[in-house]
């Protein structure tokens, strides 16, 4: 298995683990807090109502929804890109994963006064985006190099 595939596999495993680990202190499902799958549902509340939860402001609803969309792109887009994507699609997807990593740090700043409430699940989920970006950038670079090796050189006449 090539290095980019190992990094991407690692990103997927870290992301999967984050679904079952506590993300924030508040929550009743796990003894230590809200698990990742439930945090995803809460983040997606503006689009898919969940229990009686509502966001305080419109911008937190927009940011949370954008965060949930990054998770959907990770789950459904990244496997497709790895198995079917071209080098240019891999590169573009790597940029999307990098932007998702930057976007999703907002949870850390949103919890400004209660940062200690964030748990390991959040940090693993967040880092999985940077691991995915690194793997996809590496994959795009390798695919480009492999293509140049396969192309025969033109013989000058």
N, C-alpha and C. Protein backbone atom coordinates (compact mmCIF):
# COMPACT_ATOMS: atom_id res chain seq x y z
N UNK A 1 0.85 -1.17 0.00
CA UNK A 1 0.00 0.00 0.00
C UNK A 1 0.90 1.24 0.00
N UNK A 2 0.57 2.19 -0.86
CA UNK A 2 1.37 3.40 -0.98
C UNK A 2 1.11 4.34 0.20
N UNK A 3 2.09 5.19 0.48
CA UNK A 3 2.02 6.12 1.61
C UNK A 3 0.75 6.96 1.63
N UNK A 4 0.33 7.57 0.50
CA UNK A 4 -0.89 8.39 0.58
C UNK A 4 -2.11 7.58 1.00
N UNK A 5 -2.17 6.33 0.55
CA UNK A 5 -3.31 5.49 0.93
C UNK A 5 -3.27 5.15 2.42
N UNK A 6 -2.09 4.98 2.97
CA UNK A 6 -1.98 4.73 4.41
C UNK A 6 -2.41 5.95 5.22
N UNK A 7 -2.01 7.14 4.78
CA UNK A 7 -2.39 8.37 5.48
C UNK A 7 -3.90 8.56 5.41
N UNK A 8 -4.47 8.32 4.23
CA UNK A 8 -5.92 8.48 4.06
C UNK A 8 -6.67 7.43 4.89
N UNK A 9 -6.18 6.19 4.89
CA UNK A 9 -6.78 5.16 5.72
C UNK A 9 -6.73 5.57 7.20
N UNK A 10 -5.60 6.12 7.61
CA UNK A 10 -5.48 6.62 8.98
C UNK A 10 -6.48 7.72 9.27
N UNK A 11 -6.68 8.61 8.32
CA UNK A 11 -7.67 9.69 8.49
C UNK A 11 -9.06 9.09 8.66
N UNK A 12 -9.39 8.09 7.84
CA UNK A 12 -10.71 7.46 7.94
C UNK A 12 -10.88 6.76 9.29
N UNK A 13 -9.83 6.08 9.78
CA UNK A 13 -9.93 5.39 11.06
C UNK A 13 -10.08 6.37 12.22
N UNK A 14 -9.33 7.45 12.17
CA UNK A 14 -9.43 8.49 13.21
C UNK A 14 -10.82 9.10 13.18
N UNK A 15 -11.31 9.39 11.97
CA UNK A 15 -12.65 9.98 11.82
C UNK A 15 -13.72 9.02 12.36
N UNK A 16 -13.59 7.74 12.03
CA UNK A 16 -14.56 6.75 12.50
C UNK A 16 -14.54 6.65 14.03
N UNK A 17 -13.36 6.65 14.62
CA UNK A 17 -13.27 6.59 16.08
C UNK A 17 -13.95 7.79 16.72
N UNK A 18 -13.81 8.95 16.10
CA UNK A 18 -14.41 10.17 16.65
C UNK A 18 -15.93 10.10 16.71
N UNK A 19 -16.54 9.28 15.87
CA UNK A 19 -18.00 9.14 15.89
C UNK A 19 -18.50 8.51 17.19
N UNK A 20 -17.64 7.74 17.85
CA UNK A 20 -18.06 7.00 19.03
C UNK A 20 -17.44 7.51 20.33
N UNK A 21 -16.53 8.45 20.22
CA UNK A 21 -15.89 9.02 21.41
C UNK A 21 -16.60 10.31 21.81
N UNK A 22 -16.47 10.70 23.08
CA UNK A 22 -17.12 11.95 23.51
C UNK A 22 -16.50 13.17 22.83
N UNK A 23 -17.39 14.09 22.41
CA UNK A 23 -16.98 15.31 21.72
C UNK A 23 -17.04 16.50 22.66
N UNK A 24 -18.11 16.59 23.42
CA UNK A 24 -18.26 17.65 24.42
C UNK A 24 -18.68 17.04 25.74
N UNK A 25 -18.49 17.82 26.79
CA UNK A 25 -18.82 17.36 28.13
C UNK A 25 -20.32 17.12 28.29
N UNK A 26 -21.12 18.00 27.71
CA UNK A 26 -22.57 17.88 27.85
C UNK A 26 -23.09 16.71 27.03
N UNK A 27 -23.99 15.97 27.62
CA UNK A 27 -24.58 14.84 26.92
C UNK A 27 -24.88 13.73 27.90
N UNK A 28 -25.83 12.92 27.54
CA UNK A 28 -26.24 11.84 28.44
C UNK A 28 -25.95 10.46 27.86
N UNK A 29 -25.53 10.39 26.60
CA UNK A 29 -25.32 9.08 25.96
C UNK A 29 -24.08 8.38 26.52
N UNK A 30 -22.99 9.10 26.65
CA UNK A 30 -21.77 8.54 27.22
C UNK A 30 -21.54 9.15 28.60
N UNK A 31 -20.85 8.43 29.49
CA UNK A 31 -20.61 8.98 30.82
C UNK A 31 -19.78 10.28 30.78
N UNK A 32 -18.92 10.41 29.76
CA UNK A 32 -18.05 11.59 29.70
C UNK A 32 -18.55 12.64 28.71
N UNK A 33 -19.70 12.44 28.09
CA UNK A 33 -20.20 13.49 27.21
C UNK A 33 -20.94 13.00 25.98
N UNK A 34 -21.08 13.92 25.06
CA UNK A 34 -21.83 13.72 23.82
C UNK A 34 -20.96 13.00 22.79
N UNK A 35 -21.37 11.81 22.27
CA UNK A 35 -20.56 11.12 21.27
C UNK A 35 -20.61 11.84 19.93
N UNK A 36 -19.67 11.54 19.06
CA UNK A 36 -19.56 12.21 17.77
C UNK A 36 -20.78 12.10 16.90
N UNK A 37 -21.39 10.91 16.84
CA UNK A 37 -22.58 10.76 15.99
C UNK A 37 -23.71 11.67 16.46
N UNK A 38 -23.83 11.83 17.77
CA UNK A 38 -24.88 12.69 18.30
C UNK A 38 -24.51 14.17 18.11
N UNK A 39 -23.24 14.48 18.18
CA UNK A 39 -22.79 15.85 17.91
C UNK A 39 -23.08 16.22 16.46
N UNK A 40 -22.91 15.26 15.55
CA UNK A 40 -23.24 15.50 14.15
C UNK A 40 -24.72 15.85 14.01
N UNK A 41 -25.58 15.09 14.68
CA UNK A 41 -27.02 15.36 14.62
C UNK A 41 -27.34 16.75 15.17
N UNK A 42 -26.71 17.12 16.26
CA UNK A 42 -26.93 18.45 16.84
C UNK A 42 -26.45 19.52 15.86
N UNK A 43 -25.29 19.33 15.24
CA UNK A 43 -24.75 20.31 14.30
C UNK A 43 -25.65 20.46 13.08
N UNK A 44 -26.35 19.40 12.71
CA UNK A 44 -27.21 19.42 11.52
C UNK A 44 -28.66 19.81 11.85
N UNK A 45 -28.89 20.29 13.07
CA UNK A 45 -30.24 20.62 13.54
C UNK A 45 -30.96 21.63 12.66
N UNK A 46 -30.26 22.60 12.12
CA UNK A 46 -30.92 23.63 11.29
C UNK A 46 -31.56 23.02 10.05
N UNK A 47 -31.01 21.92 9.55
CA UNK A 47 -31.53 21.26 8.35
C UNK A 47 -32.40 20.06 8.71
N UNK A 48 -31.98 19.32 9.72
CA UNK A 48 -32.64 18.09 10.14
C UNK A 48 -32.92 18.22 11.64
N UNK A 49 -34.11 18.72 12.01
CA UNK A 49 -34.40 19.01 13.43
C UNK A 49 -34.12 17.81 14.34
N UNK A 50 -33.54 18.13 15.48
CA UNK A 50 -33.13 17.10 16.43
C UNK A 50 -33.64 17.47 17.82
N UNK A 51 -34.51 16.63 18.34
CA UNK A 51 -35.09 16.83 19.66
C UNK A 51 -35.57 18.27 19.81
N UNK A 52 -35.23 18.90 20.91
CA UNK A 52 -35.69 20.28 21.13
C UNK A 52 -34.55 21.28 21.01
N UNK A 53 -33.45 20.86 20.39
CA UNK A 53 -32.27 21.72 20.32
C UNK A 53 -32.46 22.82 19.27
N UNK A 54 -32.09 24.04 19.62
CA UNK A 54 -32.07 25.17 18.70
C UNK A 54 -30.81 25.99 18.95
N UNK A 55 -30.30 26.61 17.89
CA UNK A 55 -29.12 27.44 18.01
C UNK A 55 -29.50 28.83 18.52
N UNK A 56 -28.56 29.44 19.24
CA UNK A 56 -28.80 30.77 19.81
C UNK A 56 -28.85 31.86 18.74
N UNK A 57 -27.97 31.75 17.75
CA UNK A 57 -27.88 32.78 16.71
C UNK A 57 -27.90 32.14 15.33
N UNK A 58 -28.19 32.95 14.35
CA UNK A 58 -28.25 32.44 12.97
C UNK A 58 -26.87 32.01 12.50
N UNK A 59 -25.81 32.73 12.91
CA UNK A 59 -24.48 32.39 12.42
C UNK A 59 -23.95 31.11 13.04
N UNK A 60 -24.33 30.81 14.27
CA UNK A 60 -23.90 29.51 14.82
C UNK A 60 -24.62 28.37 14.11
N UNK A 61 -25.87 28.60 13.71
CA UNK A 61 -26.60 27.59 12.93
C UNK A 61 -25.94 27.37 11.58
N UNK A 62 -25.52 28.46 10.93
CA UNK A 62 -24.86 28.34 9.62
C UNK A 62 -23.51 27.63 9.77
N UNK A 63 -22.72 28.02 10.76
CA UNK A 63 -21.42 27.39 10.97
C UNK A 63 -21.56 25.91 11.32
N UNK A 64 -22.52 25.59 12.17
CA UNK A 64 -22.72 24.19 12.56
C UNK A 64 -23.17 23.37 11.36
N UNK A 65 -24.06 23.93 10.54
CA UNK A 65 -24.51 23.21 9.34
C UNK A 65 -23.35 23.01 8.37
N UNK A 66 -22.55 24.03 8.17
CA UNK A 66 -21.37 23.91 7.30
C UNK A 66 -20.43 22.83 7.84
N UNK A 67 -20.28 22.78 9.14
CA UNK A 67 -19.45 21.76 9.77
C UNK A 67 -19.99 20.36 9.51
N UNK A 68 -21.30 20.21 9.62
CA UNK A 68 -21.93 18.91 9.35
C UNK A 68 -21.76 18.53 7.88
N UNK A 69 -21.83 19.51 6.99
CA UNK A 69 -21.64 19.23 5.56
C UNK A 69 -20.21 18.76 5.30
N UNK A 70 -19.22 19.34 6.00
CA UNK A 70 -17.84 18.88 5.83
C UNK A 70 -17.72 17.41 6.22
N UNK A 71 -18.46 17.01 7.24
CA UNK A 71 -18.45 15.60 7.65
C UNK A 71 -19.05 14.72 6.57
N UNK A 72 -20.15 15.17 5.97
CA UNK A 72 -20.76 14.39 4.88
C UNK A 72 -19.81 14.28 3.69
N UNK A 73 -19.12 15.37 3.37
CA UNK A 73 -18.14 15.32 2.28
C UNK A 73 -17.02 14.34 2.61
N UNK A 74 -16.58 14.36 3.86
CA UNK A 74 -15.54 13.43 4.29
C UNK A 74 -16.02 11.99 4.11
N UNK A 75 -17.22 11.70 4.61
CA UNK A 75 -17.72 10.33 4.60
C UNK A 75 -18.02 9.79 3.20
N UNK A 76 -18.62 10.62 2.36
CA UNK A 76 -19.06 10.14 1.06
C UNK A 76 -18.16 10.58 -0.09
N UNK A 77 -17.54 11.74 0.04
CA UNK A 77 -16.70 12.25 -1.04
C UNK A 77 -15.31 11.66 -1.07
N UNK A 78 -14.69 11.53 0.10
CA UNK A 78 -13.29 11.09 0.10
C UNK A 78 -13.10 9.67 -0.43
N UNK A 79 -13.96 8.69 -0.09
CA UNK A 79 -13.76 7.37 -0.70
C UNK A 79 -13.89 7.41 -2.23
N UNK A 80 -14.86 8.17 -2.70
CA UNK A 80 -15.05 8.27 -4.15
C UNK A 80 -13.82 8.89 -4.81
N UNK A 81 -13.27 9.94 -4.21
CA UNK A 81 -12.09 10.60 -4.77
C UNK A 81 -10.90 9.64 -4.80
N UNK A 82 -10.71 8.90 -3.72
CA UNK A 82 -9.57 7.99 -3.63
C UNK A 82 -9.69 6.87 -4.67
N UNK A 83 -10.88 6.32 -4.84
CA UNK A 83 -11.04 5.18 -5.74
C UNK A 83 -11.28 5.57 -7.19
N UNK A 84 -11.84 6.73 -7.44
CA UNK A 84 -12.22 7.09 -8.80
C UNK A 84 -11.62 8.39 -9.31
N UNK A 85 -11.05 9.18 -8.42
CA UNK A 85 -10.65 10.54 -8.78
C UNK A 85 -9.37 10.65 -9.57
N UNK A 86 -9.30 11.70 -10.35
CA UNK A 86 -8.10 12.03 -11.10
C UNK A 86 -7.15 12.81 -10.19
N UNK A 87 -5.92 13.03 -10.60
CA UNK A 87 -5.01 13.84 -9.79
C UNK A 87 -5.56 15.25 -9.52
N UNK A 88 -6.19 15.85 -10.51
CA UNK A 88 -6.72 17.20 -10.29
C UNK A 88 -7.89 17.19 -9.31
N UNK A 89 -8.73 16.14 -9.36
CA UNK A 89 -9.82 16.02 -8.39
C UNK A 89 -9.28 15.74 -7.00
N UNK A 90 -8.23 14.93 -6.91
CA UNK A 90 -7.59 14.66 -5.61
C UNK A 90 -7.03 15.95 -5.01
N UNK A 91 -6.40 16.76 -5.86
CA UNK A 91 -5.83 18.03 -5.39
C UNK A 91 -6.94 18.98 -4.93
N UNK A 92 -7.99 19.10 -5.72
CA UNK A 92 -9.11 19.97 -5.35
C UNK A 92 -9.76 19.48 -4.06
N UNK A 93 -9.91 18.18 -3.92
CA UNK A 93 -10.50 17.61 -2.70
C UNK A 93 -9.59 17.82 -1.50
N UNK A 94 -8.29 17.78 -1.73
CA UNK A 94 -7.34 18.06 -0.65
C UNK A 94 -7.52 19.48 -0.15
N UNK A 95 -7.73 20.42 -1.08
CA UNK A 95 -7.97 21.81 -0.68
C UNK A 95 -9.29 21.93 0.09
N UNK A 96 -10.31 21.20 -0.33
CA UNK A 96 -11.59 21.21 0.39
C UNK A 96 -11.40 20.67 1.80
N UNK A 97 -10.63 19.59 1.96
CA UNK A 97 -10.36 19.03 3.29
C UNK A 97 -9.57 20.02 4.15
N UNK A 98 -8.62 20.73 3.54
CA UNK A 98 -7.84 21.72 4.29
C UNK A 98 -8.74 22.88 4.74
N UNK A 99 -9.63 23.32 3.87
CA UNK A 99 -10.56 24.39 4.23
C UNK A 99 -11.51 23.90 5.33
N UNK A 100 -11.95 22.64 5.25
CA UNK A 100 -12.81 22.06 6.28
C UNK A 100 -12.08 22.04 7.62
N UNK A 101 -10.80 21.70 7.60
CA UNK A 101 -9.99 21.71 8.82
C UNK A 101 -9.99 23.11 9.45
N UNK A 102 -9.79 24.12 8.62
CA UNK A 102 -9.77 25.51 9.11
C UNK A 102 -11.16 25.92 9.59
N UNK A 103 -12.19 25.60 8.83
CA UNK A 103 -13.56 25.95 9.22
C UNK A 103 -13.93 25.32 10.55
N UNK A 104 -13.59 24.05 10.73
CA UNK A 104 -14.04 23.32 11.91
C UNK A 104 -13.31 23.69 13.19
N UNK A 105 -12.29 24.50 13.09
CA UNK A 105 -11.65 24.99 14.31
C UNK A 105 -12.55 26.01 15.01
N UNK A 106 -13.58 26.48 14.31
CA UNK A 106 -14.46 27.47 14.93
C UNK A 106 -15.11 26.91 16.19
N UNK A 107 -15.33 25.59 16.27
CA UNK A 107 -15.91 25.02 17.48
C UNK A 107 -15.02 25.33 18.69
N UNK A 108 -13.73 25.32 18.49
CA UNK A 108 -12.81 25.64 19.58
C UNK A 108 -13.01 27.07 20.05
N UNK A 109 -13.22 27.98 19.10
CA UNK A 109 -13.42 29.38 19.46
C UNK A 109 -14.84 29.65 19.93
N UNK A 110 -15.81 28.88 19.44
CA UNK A 110 -17.18 29.02 19.89
C UNK A 110 -17.29 28.64 21.36
N UNK A 111 -16.49 27.67 21.77
CA UNK A 111 -16.47 27.24 23.17
C UNK A 111 -15.46 28.06 23.98
N UNK A 112 -15.25 29.30 23.60
CA UNK A 112 -14.21 30.15 24.19
C UNK A 112 -14.16 30.03 25.71
N UNK A 113 -15.29 30.19 26.37
CA UNK A 113 -15.28 30.15 27.84
C UNK A 113 -15.30 28.73 28.38
N UNK A 114 -15.71 27.78 27.54
CA UNK A 114 -15.83 26.40 28.01
C UNK A 114 -15.00 25.44 27.18
N UNK A 115 -13.83 25.86 26.76
CA UNK A 115 -12.98 24.99 25.92
C UNK A 115 -12.66 23.67 26.60
N UNK A 116 -12.61 23.69 27.92
CA UNK A 116 -12.31 22.46 28.65
C UNK A 116 -13.44 21.44 28.50
N UNK A 117 -14.60 21.86 27.99
CA UNK A 117 -15.71 20.93 27.75
C UNK A 117 -15.49 20.09 26.49
N UNK A 118 -14.60 20.52 25.60
CA UNK A 118 -14.31 19.73 24.40
C UNK A 118 -13.54 18.48 24.80
N UNK A 119 -13.90 17.37 24.16
CA UNK A 119 -13.31 16.08 24.48
C UNK A 119 -12.52 15.53 23.29
N UNK A 120 -11.92 14.39 23.48
CA UNK A 120 -11.02 13.77 22.51
C UNK A 120 -11.70 13.54 21.16
N UNK A 121 -12.98 13.23 21.16
CA UNK A 121 -13.68 12.98 19.91
C UNK A 121 -13.65 14.19 18.98
N UNK A 122 -13.80 15.39 19.55
CA UNK A 122 -13.73 16.60 18.72
C UNK A 122 -12.35 16.74 18.09
N UNK A 123 -11.32 16.58 18.90
CA UNK A 123 -9.96 16.79 18.39
C UNK A 123 -9.57 15.74 17.34
N UNK A 124 -9.99 14.50 17.53
CA UNK A 124 -9.71 13.47 16.53
C UNK A 124 -10.48 13.76 15.24
N UNK A 125 -11.75 14.13 15.37
CA UNK A 125 -12.57 14.46 14.20
C UNK A 125 -11.93 15.62 13.44
N UNK A 126 -11.54 16.65 14.16
CA UNK A 126 -10.94 17.83 13.54
C UNK A 126 -9.63 17.48 12.84
N UNK A 127 -8.78 16.73 13.51
CA UNK A 127 -7.49 16.35 12.92
C UNK A 127 -7.64 15.41 11.73
N UNK A 128 -8.72 14.64 11.68
CA UNK A 128 -8.91 13.73 10.55
C UNK A 128 -8.97 14.50 9.23
N UNK A 129 -9.44 15.74 9.26
CA UNK A 129 -9.50 16.54 8.03
C UNK A 129 -8.10 16.92 7.54
N UNK A 130 -7.21 17.24 8.45
CA UNK A 130 -5.85 17.58 8.02
C UNK A 130 -5.11 16.34 7.54
N UNK A 131 -5.35 15.20 8.18
CA UNK A 131 -4.74 13.95 7.70
C UNK A 131 -5.25 13.61 6.31
N UNK A 132 -6.55 13.79 6.09
CA UNK A 132 -7.13 13.55 4.77
C UNK A 132 -6.52 14.48 3.74
N UNK A 133 -6.39 15.76 4.08
CA UNK A 133 -5.80 16.73 3.14
C UNK A 133 -4.37 16.34 2.79
N UNK A 134 -3.58 15.97 3.78
CA UNK A 134 -2.19 15.57 3.53
C UNK A 134 -2.15 14.35 2.60
N UNK A 135 -2.98 13.36 2.90
CA UNK A 135 -3.01 12.15 2.07
C UNK A 135 -3.45 12.45 0.64
N UNK A 136 -4.46 13.30 0.49
CA UNK A 136 -4.94 13.62 -0.86
C UNK A 136 -3.93 14.45 -1.64
N UNK A 137 -3.25 15.40 -0.97
CA UNK A 137 -2.19 16.15 -1.66
C UNK A 137 -1.09 15.21 -2.11
N UNK A 138 -0.72 14.28 -1.23
CA UNK A 138 0.32 13.30 -1.58
C UNK A 138 -0.15 12.41 -2.73
N UNK A 139 -1.40 11.98 -2.68
CA UNK A 139 -1.95 11.14 -3.75
C UNK A 139 -1.96 11.89 -5.08
N UNK A 140 -2.37 13.14 -5.06
CA UNK A 140 -2.40 13.95 -6.30
C UNK A 140 -1.00 14.12 -6.86
N UNK A 141 -0.02 14.35 -6.01
CA UNK A 141 1.37 14.49 -6.45
C UNK A 141 1.93 13.21 -7.01
N UNK A 142 1.62 12.09 -6.36
CA UNK A 142 2.10 10.79 -6.83
C UNK A 142 1.46 10.41 -8.16
N UNK A 143 0.16 10.66 -8.28
CA UNK A 143 -0.53 10.33 -9.54
C UNK A 143 0.07 11.12 -10.69
N UNK A 144 0.39 12.37 -10.44
CA UNK A 144 0.99 13.20 -11.49
C UNK A 144 2.36 12.66 -11.88
N UNK A 145 3.15 12.24 -10.88
CA UNK A 145 4.47 11.69 -11.15
C UNK A 145 4.36 10.36 -11.88
N UNK A 146 3.39 9.52 -11.47
CA UNK A 146 3.19 8.23 -12.13
C UNK A 146 2.78 8.41 -13.59
N UNK A 147 1.93 9.40 -13.86
CA UNK A 147 1.51 9.67 -15.23
C UNK A 147 2.70 10.07 -16.10
N UNK A 148 3.58 10.90 -15.57
CA UNK A 148 4.72 11.36 -16.36
C UNK A 148 5.69 10.22 -16.64
N UNK A 149 5.75 9.24 -15.75
CA UNK A 149 6.62 8.08 -15.97
C UNK A 149 6.04 7.15 -17.03
N UNK A 150 4.71 7.08 -17.09
CA UNK A 150 4.07 6.17 -18.05
C UNK A 150 4.05 6.72 -19.46
N UNK A 151 4.08 8.02 -19.61
CA UNK A 151 4.02 8.65 -20.92
C UNK A 151 5.37 8.47 -21.64
N UNK A 152 5.37 7.87 -22.82
CA UNK A 152 6.64 7.69 -23.53
C UNK A 152 7.15 9.04 -24.03
N UNK A 153 8.44 9.18 -24.02
CA UNK A 153 9.05 10.41 -24.52
C UNK A 153 9.00 10.42 -26.05
N UNK A 154 8.73 11.57 -26.58
CA UNK A 154 8.70 11.70 -28.04
C UNK A 154 10.11 11.60 -28.57
N UNK A 155 10.28 10.87 -29.65
CA UNK A 155 11.61 10.70 -30.23
C UNK A 155 11.82 11.83 -31.26
N UNK A 156 12.84 12.66 -31.04
CA UNK A 156 13.07 13.75 -31.98
C UNK A 156 13.59 13.20 -33.32
N UNK A 157 13.08 13.71 -34.40
CA UNK A 157 13.51 13.26 -35.74
C UNK A 157 14.51 14.19 -36.33
